[in-house]
Amino acid sequence: MEKVTVGIAGLGWIAQVVHIPIIQRLPDAELVAVCDRDKGRARLVAEKFGLKKVYYDVEEMLDKEDLQAIIVAASTDAHKELTLAALKRGKDILVEKPIARTYPEAAAMAEACRESKSKLMVGMNHRFRPDTMILKSFIEGKELGKIFYTKTGWLRRRTNDNKWVLQRDKSGGGVFIDLGIVMLDIALWMMGYPEVKRVSASLYYHKTKQVEDTALVSVHLKNQALIQVEVSWSMFSEDDTYYCNVFGTDGSASLDPLRVNKELHGNLVNLAPTKLESASQMYRRSYENELKHFLGAVRGLHTLISPADEALHRMRIVEAVYKAARLGKEIVMP
């Protein structure tokens, strides 16, 4: 089997903990080169993982190396520049979420993708968690009937270790564009990506200045269903909380732990598998599954999941969320 040649642009936490170790283990991929504008970090990462080809400028890496695919794992403010450079050269790209800081940035990336006819996937790894995929199969099999309400959330005690996420000019926003976009995507994906009618939101800045650390969002859909999202970096709780509760006309389901509840012969029964991996194992598995899917799409084995156009749709909702909070009123989607 011919290996897909891969380069990575951006060597922060996610590249070091997830992308590089996983790619080096996959039989159908070859990590050829890495790049980071921080020369010290680039050299240290290359030495740590035994990588010989190190660059500090992405255009130089793209011009000198024979790469089929690029993983963009830099801070969000660099996503557009790095992605456009790779698309210009006909490379397939996996860019970490969010696709960009703003809708116009995302639109420029999606348009360049259409013009180049390359593949542009946005990293929504939570779709590739084993429990999420099982729940999605139950919903697609109509086991829960018509879905009319999804409530989802991710509540953490603190932000991640990347300080740039607290700088609006680099991140584009706070906890909603960081964690909220993940939970919104899971809900929309579970429900078949229905059209959004209106959005309302409340944002709080308890322990942050430039960006919100807590977001409470309601998304009303044109099919009369409702999605509610709550995310925070600053909850006073013993443990972090991650959940997705889905309610249908014939049953309900939840994530972490996975439960699928239906009434059978007058009794409420959990149809979910009893044995699943631990939360940490599922987190790692989600990235493995995501990277395997991306590489398979690069090789033409299947259609890409989480393409640029879906990311553009998400960013339109994200902008509506921030506008609703800023104006203090509900926003009707165009």
Protein backbone atom coordinates (compact mmCIF):
# COMPACT_ATOMS: atom_id res chain seq x y z
CA MET A 1 0.00 0.00 0.00
CA GLU A 2 1.41 3.37 -1.03
CA LYS A 3 1.75 5.70 1.94
CA VAL A 4 0.23 9.19 2.04
CA THR A 5 3.01 11.72 2.53
CA VAL A 6 2.09 14.20 5.26
CA GLY A 7 3.44 17.49 6.59
CA ILE A 8 2.36 19.28 9.78
CA ALA A 9 2.19 23.07 10.14
CA GLY A 10 2.04 24.15 13.79
CA LEU A 11 3.75 22.13 16.51
CA GLY A 12 1.87 23.00 19.66
CA TRP A 13 0.19 20.69 22.15
CA ILE A 14 -2.24 19.00 19.75
CA ALA A 15 0.48 18.17 17.22
CA GLN A 16 2.83 16.77 19.86
CA VAL A 17 0.29 14.78 21.87
CA VAL A 18 -2.02 13.63 19.08
CA HIS A 19 -1.06 14.10 15.44
CA ILE A 20 2.62 13.19 15.36
CA PRO A 21 2.45 10.04 17.57
CA ILE A 22 -0.62 8.69 15.76
CA ILE A 23 0.65 9.36 12.23
CA GLN A 24 3.99 7.72 13.03
CA ARG A 25 2.10 4.54 13.96
CA LEU A 26 -0.25 4.40 10.97
CA PRO A 27 0.90 2.03 8.21
CA ASP A 28 -0.63 4.08 5.38
CA ALA A 29 0.99 7.43 6.28
CA GLU A 30 4.50 8.86 6.27
CA LEU A 31 5.25 12.02 8.24
CA VAL A 32 7.80 13.68 5.95
CA ALA A 33 8.26 17.16 7.43
CA VAL A 34 7.09 19.53 10.15
CA CYS A 35 6.95 23.31 10.36
CA ASP A 36 6.58 25.96 13.06
CA ARG A 37 7.43 29.65 13.03
CA ASP A 38 8.91 29.22 16.55
CA LYS A 39 12.33 27.88 15.57
CA GLY A 40 13.21 26.64 19.05
CA ARG A 41 10.01 24.67 19.38
CA ALA A 42 10.34 23.28 15.85
CA ARG A 43 13.85 21.95 16.55
CA LEU A 44 12.85 20.46 19.93
CA VAL A 45 9.80 18.67 18.50
CA ALA A 46 11.76 17.32 15.56
CA GLU A 47 14.45 15.99 17.88
CA LYS A 48 11.88 14.47 20.24
CA PHE A 49 10.15 12.51 17.48
CA GLY A 50 13.20 11.73 15.35
CA LEU A 51 12.14 13.93 12.43
CA LYS A 52 14.87 15.07 10.03
CA LYS A 53 13.08 17.66 7.93
CA VAL A 54 12.18 20.80 9.87
CA TYR A 55 10.95 24.11 8.46
CA TYR A 56 10.11 27.53 9.88
CA ASP A 57 8.16 28.75 6.83
CA VAL A 58 5.24 26.74 5.45
CA GLU A 59 5.70 27.91 1.86
CA GLU A 60 9.27 26.64 1.87
CA MET A 61 8.11 23.27 3.20
CA LEU A 62 5.36 23.03 0.58
CA ASP A 63 7.73 23.95 -2.25
CA LYS A 64 10.60 21.67 -1.25
CA GLU A 65 8.78 18.53 -0.07
CA ASP A 66 6.62 16.12 -2.05
CA LEU A 67 3.57 16.18 0.22
CA GLN A 68 0.08 14.92 -0.54
CA ALA A 69 -1.54 16.18 2.65
CA ILE A 70 -1.04 18.88 5.27
CA ILE A 71 -2.30 19.03 8.84
CA VAL A 72 -2.80 22.61 10.03
CA ALA A 73 -2.48 22.62 13.82
CA ALA A 74 -1.33 26.19 14.44
CA SER A 75 -3.23 28.87 16.38
CA THR A 76 -6.52 29.87 14.75
CA ASP A 77 -5.22 33.21 13.45
CA ALA A 78 -2.81 31.28 11.17
CA HIS A 79 -5.39 28.84 9.75
CA LYS A 80 -6.40 30.91 6.74
CA GLU A 81 -2.84 31.76 5.65
CA LEU A 82 -1.54 28.19 6.02
CA THR A 83 -4.60 26.61 4.38
CA LEU A 84 -4.59 28.93 1.38
CA ALA A 85 -0.87 28.30 0.84
CA ALA A 86 -1.48 24.54 0.80
CA LEU A 87 -4.60 24.75 -1.40
CA LYS A 88 -2.69 26.91 -3.89
CA ARG A 89 -0.33 23.96 -4.35
CA GLY A 90 -3.12 21.38 -4.64
CA LYS A 91 -2.62 19.72 -1.25
CA ASP A 92 -5.37 18.00 0.76
CA ILE A 93 -5.76 19.52 4.21
CA LEU A 94 -6.94 18.63 7.70
CA VAL A 95 -7.28 21.85 9.69
CA GLU A 96 -7.97 21.80 13.42
CA LYS A 97 -11.20 23.36 14.68
CA PRO A 98 -12.38 26.02 14.40
CA ILE A 99 -11.76 26.44 10.70
CA ALA A 100 -11.06 30.15 11.23
CA ARG A 101 -11.68 33.11 13.52
CA THR A 102 -14.56 34.57 11.50
CA TYR A 103 -17.10 33.70 8.84
CA PRO A 104 -15.34 35.78 6.12
CA GLU A 105 -12.06 33.94 6.79
CA ALA A 106 -13.86 30.59 6.60
CA ALA A 107 -15.64 31.66 3.40
CA ALA A 108 -12.33 32.51 1.73
CA MET A 109 -10.94 29.09 2.68
CA ALA A 110 -14.05 27.25 1.45
CA GLU A 111 -13.98 29.14 -1.86
CA ALA A 112 -10.29 28.37 -2.38
CA CYS A 113 -11.06 24.72 -1.66
CA ARG A 114 -13.77 24.66 -4.34
CA GLU A 115 -11.47 26.33 -6.87
CA SER A 116 -8.53 24.00 -6.18
CA LYS A 117 -10.73 20.86 -6.06
CA SER A 118 -8.58 19.69 -3.13
CA LYS A 119 -10.04 18.18 0.02
CA LEU A 120 -10.39 20.39 3.10
CA MET A 121 -11.50 18.64 6.28
CA VAL A 122 -12.07 20.42 9.59
CA GLY A 123 -11.07 18.43 12.67
CA MET A 124 -14.27 17.55 14.53
CA ASN A 125 -12.81 14.53 16.28
CA HIS A 126 -15.76 14.10 18.66
CA ARG A 127 -17.79 12.75 15.75
CA PHE A 128 -15.28 9.90 15.66
CA ARG A 129 -15.62 8.86 19.32
CA PRO A 130 -16.88 5.26 19.45
CA ASP A 131 -19.85 6.19 21.67
CA THR A 132 -20.80 9.12 19.42
CA MET A 133 -20.73 6.94 16.32
CA ILE A 134 -22.90 4.30 18.03
CA LEU A 135 -25.44 6.94 19.10
CA LYS A 136 -25.48 8.39 15.57
CA SER A 137 -26.28 4.92 14.17
CA PHE A 138 -29.25 4.56 16.57
CA ILE A 139 -30.59 7.97 15.47
CA GLU A 140 -30.13 7.20 11.77
CA GLY A 141 -31.93 3.88 12.35
CA LYS A 142 -34.95 5.88 13.66
CA GLU A 143 -34.72 4.11 17.03
CA LEU A 144 -35.48 7.40 18.83
CA GLY A 145 -38.12 8.58 16.35
CA LYS A 146 -38.10 12.26 15.39
CA ILE A 147 -35.51 14.24 17.36
CA PHE A 148 -37.04 17.42 18.80
CA TYR A 149 -34.57 18.46 21.53
CA THR A 150 -30.85 18.12 22.11
CA LYS A 151 -29.10 19.55 25.16
CA THR A 152 -25.34 19.38 25.20
CA GLY A 153 -22.51 20.82 27.23
CA TRP A 154 -18.86 20.78 28.21
CA LEU A 155 -18.08 22.37 31.55
CA ARG A 156 -14.47 22.61 32.65
CA ARG A 157 -12.72 24.13 35.61
CA ARG A 158 -10.11 25.98 33.55
CA THR A 159 -8.97 26.77 30.03
CA ASN A 160 -6.45 24.66 28.17
CA ASP A 161 -2.76 25.48 28.41
CA ASN A 162 -2.59 27.47 25.17
CA LYS A 163 -2.55 31.08 26.33
CA TRP A 164 -3.38 32.34 22.84
CA VAL A 165 -6.96 31.08 23.25
CA LEU A 166 -7.52 34.01 25.64
CA GLN A 167 -6.42 36.55 23.03
CA ARG A 168 -9.34 37.49 20.78
CA ASP A 169 -7.12 38.55 17.87
CA LYS A 170 -5.62 35.04 17.77
CA SER A 171 -8.60 32.86 18.75
CA GLY A 172 -11.58 34.76 17.38
CA GLY A 173 -13.53 34.22 20.60
CA GLY A 174 -13.59 32.39 23.90
CA VAL A 175 -15.09 29.21 25.23
CA PHE A 176 -17.88 29.06 22.66
CA ILE A 177 -15.57 29.00 19.64
CA ASP A 178 -13.29 26.59 21.55
CA LEU A 179 -15.66 24.07 23.21
CA GLY A 180 -19.10 25.29 22.16
CA ILE A 181 -18.46 24.76 18.46
CA VAL A 182 -17.63 21.10 19.23
CA MET A 183 -20.86 20.51 21.14
CA LEU A 184 -22.93 22.45 18.59
CA ASP A 185 -21.45 20.32 15.82
CA ILE A 186 -22.28 17.07 17.63
CA ALA A 187 -25.89 18.20 18.09
CA LEU A 188 -26.30 19.35 14.48
CA TRP A 189 -24.60 16.22 13.15
CA MET A 190 -26.80 13.94 15.28
CA MET A 191 -29.89 15.72 14.00
CA GLY A 192 -28.85 15.63 10.32
CA TYR A 193 -27.66 19.22 10.05
CA PRO A 194 -31.13 20.88 9.91
CA GLU A 195 -31.50 24.55 9.03
CA VAL A 196 -31.24 27.08 11.85
CA LYS A 197 -34.05 29.62 12.30
CA ARG A 198 -32.93 31.82 15.22
CA VAL A 199 -30.24 32.04 17.90
CA SER A 200 -30.01 33.57 21.38
CA ALA A 201 -27.03 33.64 23.71
CA SER A 202 -25.64 34.87 27.01
CA LEU A 203 -21.86 35.18 27.45
CA TYR A 204 -20.01 35.74 30.74
CA TYR A 205 -16.51 37.01 31.54
CA HIS A 206 -16.03 35.86 35.14
CA LYS A 207 -12.31 35.06 34.97
CA THR A 208 -11.38 36.44 31.56
CA LYS A 209 -11.17 39.88 29.93
CA GLN A 210 -10.93 39.66 26.14
CA VAL A 211 -13.03 36.54 25.56
CA GLU A 212 -15.95 34.84 27.31
CA ASP A 213 -15.31 32.00 29.77
CA THR A 214 -18.94 30.81 29.92
CA ALA A 215 -21.58 30.62 27.17
CA LEU A 216 -25.25 29.61 27.30
CA VAL A 217 -26.79 29.30 23.84
CA SER A 218 -30.19 28.35 22.37
CA VAL A 219 -30.49 27.38 18.70
CA HIS A 220 -34.03 27.12 17.30
CA LEU A 221 -34.33 25.05 14.12
CA LYS A 222 -36.70 25.50 11.20
CA ASN A 223 -38.12 22.02 11.84
CA GLN A 224 -39.30 23.25 15.29
CA ALA A 225 -36.56 21.34 17.15
CA LEU A 226 -34.30 23.01 19.73
CA ILE A 227 -30.61 22.74 20.59
CA GLN A 228 -29.22 24.11 23.84
CA VAL A 229 -25.48 24.39 24.45
CA GLU A 230 -23.71 25.26 27.71
CA VAL A 231 -19.92 25.51 27.89
CA SER A 232 -17.52 26.95 30.42
CA TRP A 233 -13.86 27.19 31.39
CA SER A 234 -14.60 28.37 34.93
CA MET A 235 -17.17 26.13 36.64
CA PHE A 236 -16.77 25.47 40.36
CA SER A 237 -17.11 21.72 40.18
CA GLU A 238 -15.12 18.73 41.32
CA ASP A 239 -14.94 17.16 37.87
CA ASP A 240 -15.23 18.33 34.30
CA THR A 241 -18.62 17.54 32.73
CA TYR A 242 -19.22 16.45 29.15
CA TYR A 243 -22.64 15.40 27.89
CA CYS A 244 -25.05 15.25 24.98
CA ASN A 245 -28.68 14.41 25.74
CA VAL A 246 -30.94 13.67 22.76
CA PHE A 247 -34.73 13.43 23.03
CA GLY A 248 -36.97 11.92 20.36
CA THR A 249 -40.60 10.96 19.97
CA ASP A 250 -39.79 7.25 20.51
CA GLY A 251 -36.88 7.36 22.95
CA SER A 252 -33.95 9.29 24.36
CA ALA A 253 -30.19 8.91 24.54
CA SER A 254 -27.16 10.43 26.25
CA LEU A 255 -23.40 10.50 25.97
CA ASP A 256 -20.73 9.91 28.58
CA PRO A 257 -21.84 7.39 29.60
CA LEU A 258 -23.71 6.18 26.53
CA ARG A 259 -27.35 5.29 27.13
CA VAL A 260 -30.14 4.65 24.63
CA ASN A 261 -33.52 4.54 26.38
CA LYS A 262 -36.64 3.04 24.81
CA GLU A 263 -39.88 1.70 26.22
CA LEU A 264 -40.30 -2.01 25.50
CA HIS A 265 -43.30 -3.94 26.85
CA GLY A 266 -44.02 -1.18 29.35
CA ASN A 267 -40.46 -0.99 30.69
CA LEU A 268 -37.69 1.53 30.02
CA VAL A 269 -34.73 -0.37 28.55
CA ASN A 270 -31.16 0.77 27.83
CA LEU A 271 -30.20 -0.55 24.38
CA ALA A 272 -26.61 0.72 24.45
CA PRO A 273 -23.67 -1.71 24.53
CA THR A 274 -22.58 -2.47 28.08
CA LYS A 275 -18.83 -2.55 27.42
CA LEU A 276 -17.18 0.59 26.07
CA GLU A 277 -13.72 2.10 26.36
CA SER A 278 -12.85 4.60 29.08
CA ALA A 279 -13.25 8.33 28.43
CA SER A 280 -9.50 8.79 27.90
CA GLN A 281 -9.35 5.82 25.51
CA MET A 282 -12.32 7.17 23.51
CA TYR A 283 -10.66 10.59 23.31
CA ARG A 284 -7.53 9.07 21.80
CA ARG A 285 -9.55 6.73 19.59
CA SER A 286 -11.48 9.72 18.21
CA TYR A 287 -8.28 11.22 16.83
CA GLU A 288 -7.06 7.89 15.46
CA ASN A 289 -10.40 7.36 13.68
CA GLU A 290 -10.39 10.94 12.40
CA LEU A 291 -6.87 10.68 10.95
CA LYS A 292 -7.60 7.28 9.40
CA HIS A 293 -10.72 8.74 7.79
CA PHE A 294 -8.81 11.76 6.46
CA LEU A 295 -6.06 9.60 4.98
CA GLY A 296 -8.67 7.30 3.40
CA ALA A 297 -10.36 10.32 1.83
CA VAL A 298 -7.00 11.55 0.50
CA ARG A 299 -6.56 8.13 -1.14
CA GLY A 300 -10.06 8.37 -2.63
CA LEU A 301 -11.54 5.52 -0.61
CA HIS A 302 -14.57 7.44 0.68
CA THR A 303 -16.29 10.82 0.85
CA LEU A 304 -14.91 13.35 3.31
CA ILE A 305 -16.69 13.84 6.64
CA SER A 306 -16.72 17.39 8.09
CA PRO A 307 -15.84 19.27 4.88
CA ALA A 308 -15.28 23.01 4.53
CA ASP A 309 -18.89 23.81 3.56
CA GLU A 310 -20.19 22.34 6.83
CA ALA A 311 -17.60 24.37 8.74
CA LEU A 312 -18.81 27.48 6.93
CA HIS A 313 -22.37 26.71 8.07
CA ARG A 314 -21.12 26.35 11.67
CA MET A 315 -19.24 29.64 11.50
CA ARG A 316 -22.40 31.44 10.37
CA ILE A 317 -24.09 30.16 13.54
CA VAL A 318 -21.06 31.09 15.68
CA GLU A 319 -21.19 34.67 14.38
CA ALA A 320 -24.92 34.80 15.14
CA VAL A 321 -24.20 33.62 18.71
CA TYR A 322 -21.68 36.41 19.31
CA LYS A 323 -23.97 38.98 17.70
CA ALA A 324 -26.94 37.86 19.82
CA ALA A 325 -24.90 38.19 23.00
CA ARG A 326 -23.45 41.56 21.97
CA LEU A 327 -26.85 43.07 21.08
CA GLY A 328 -28.74 41.32 23.87
CA LYS A 329 -31.45 40.03 21.55
CA GLU A 330 -32.40 37.03 19.49
CA ILE A 331 -30.88 36.85 15.99
CA VAL A 332 -32.93 35.51 13.08
CA MET A 333 -30.76 33.66 10.60
CA PRO A 334 -30.88 34.85 6.98
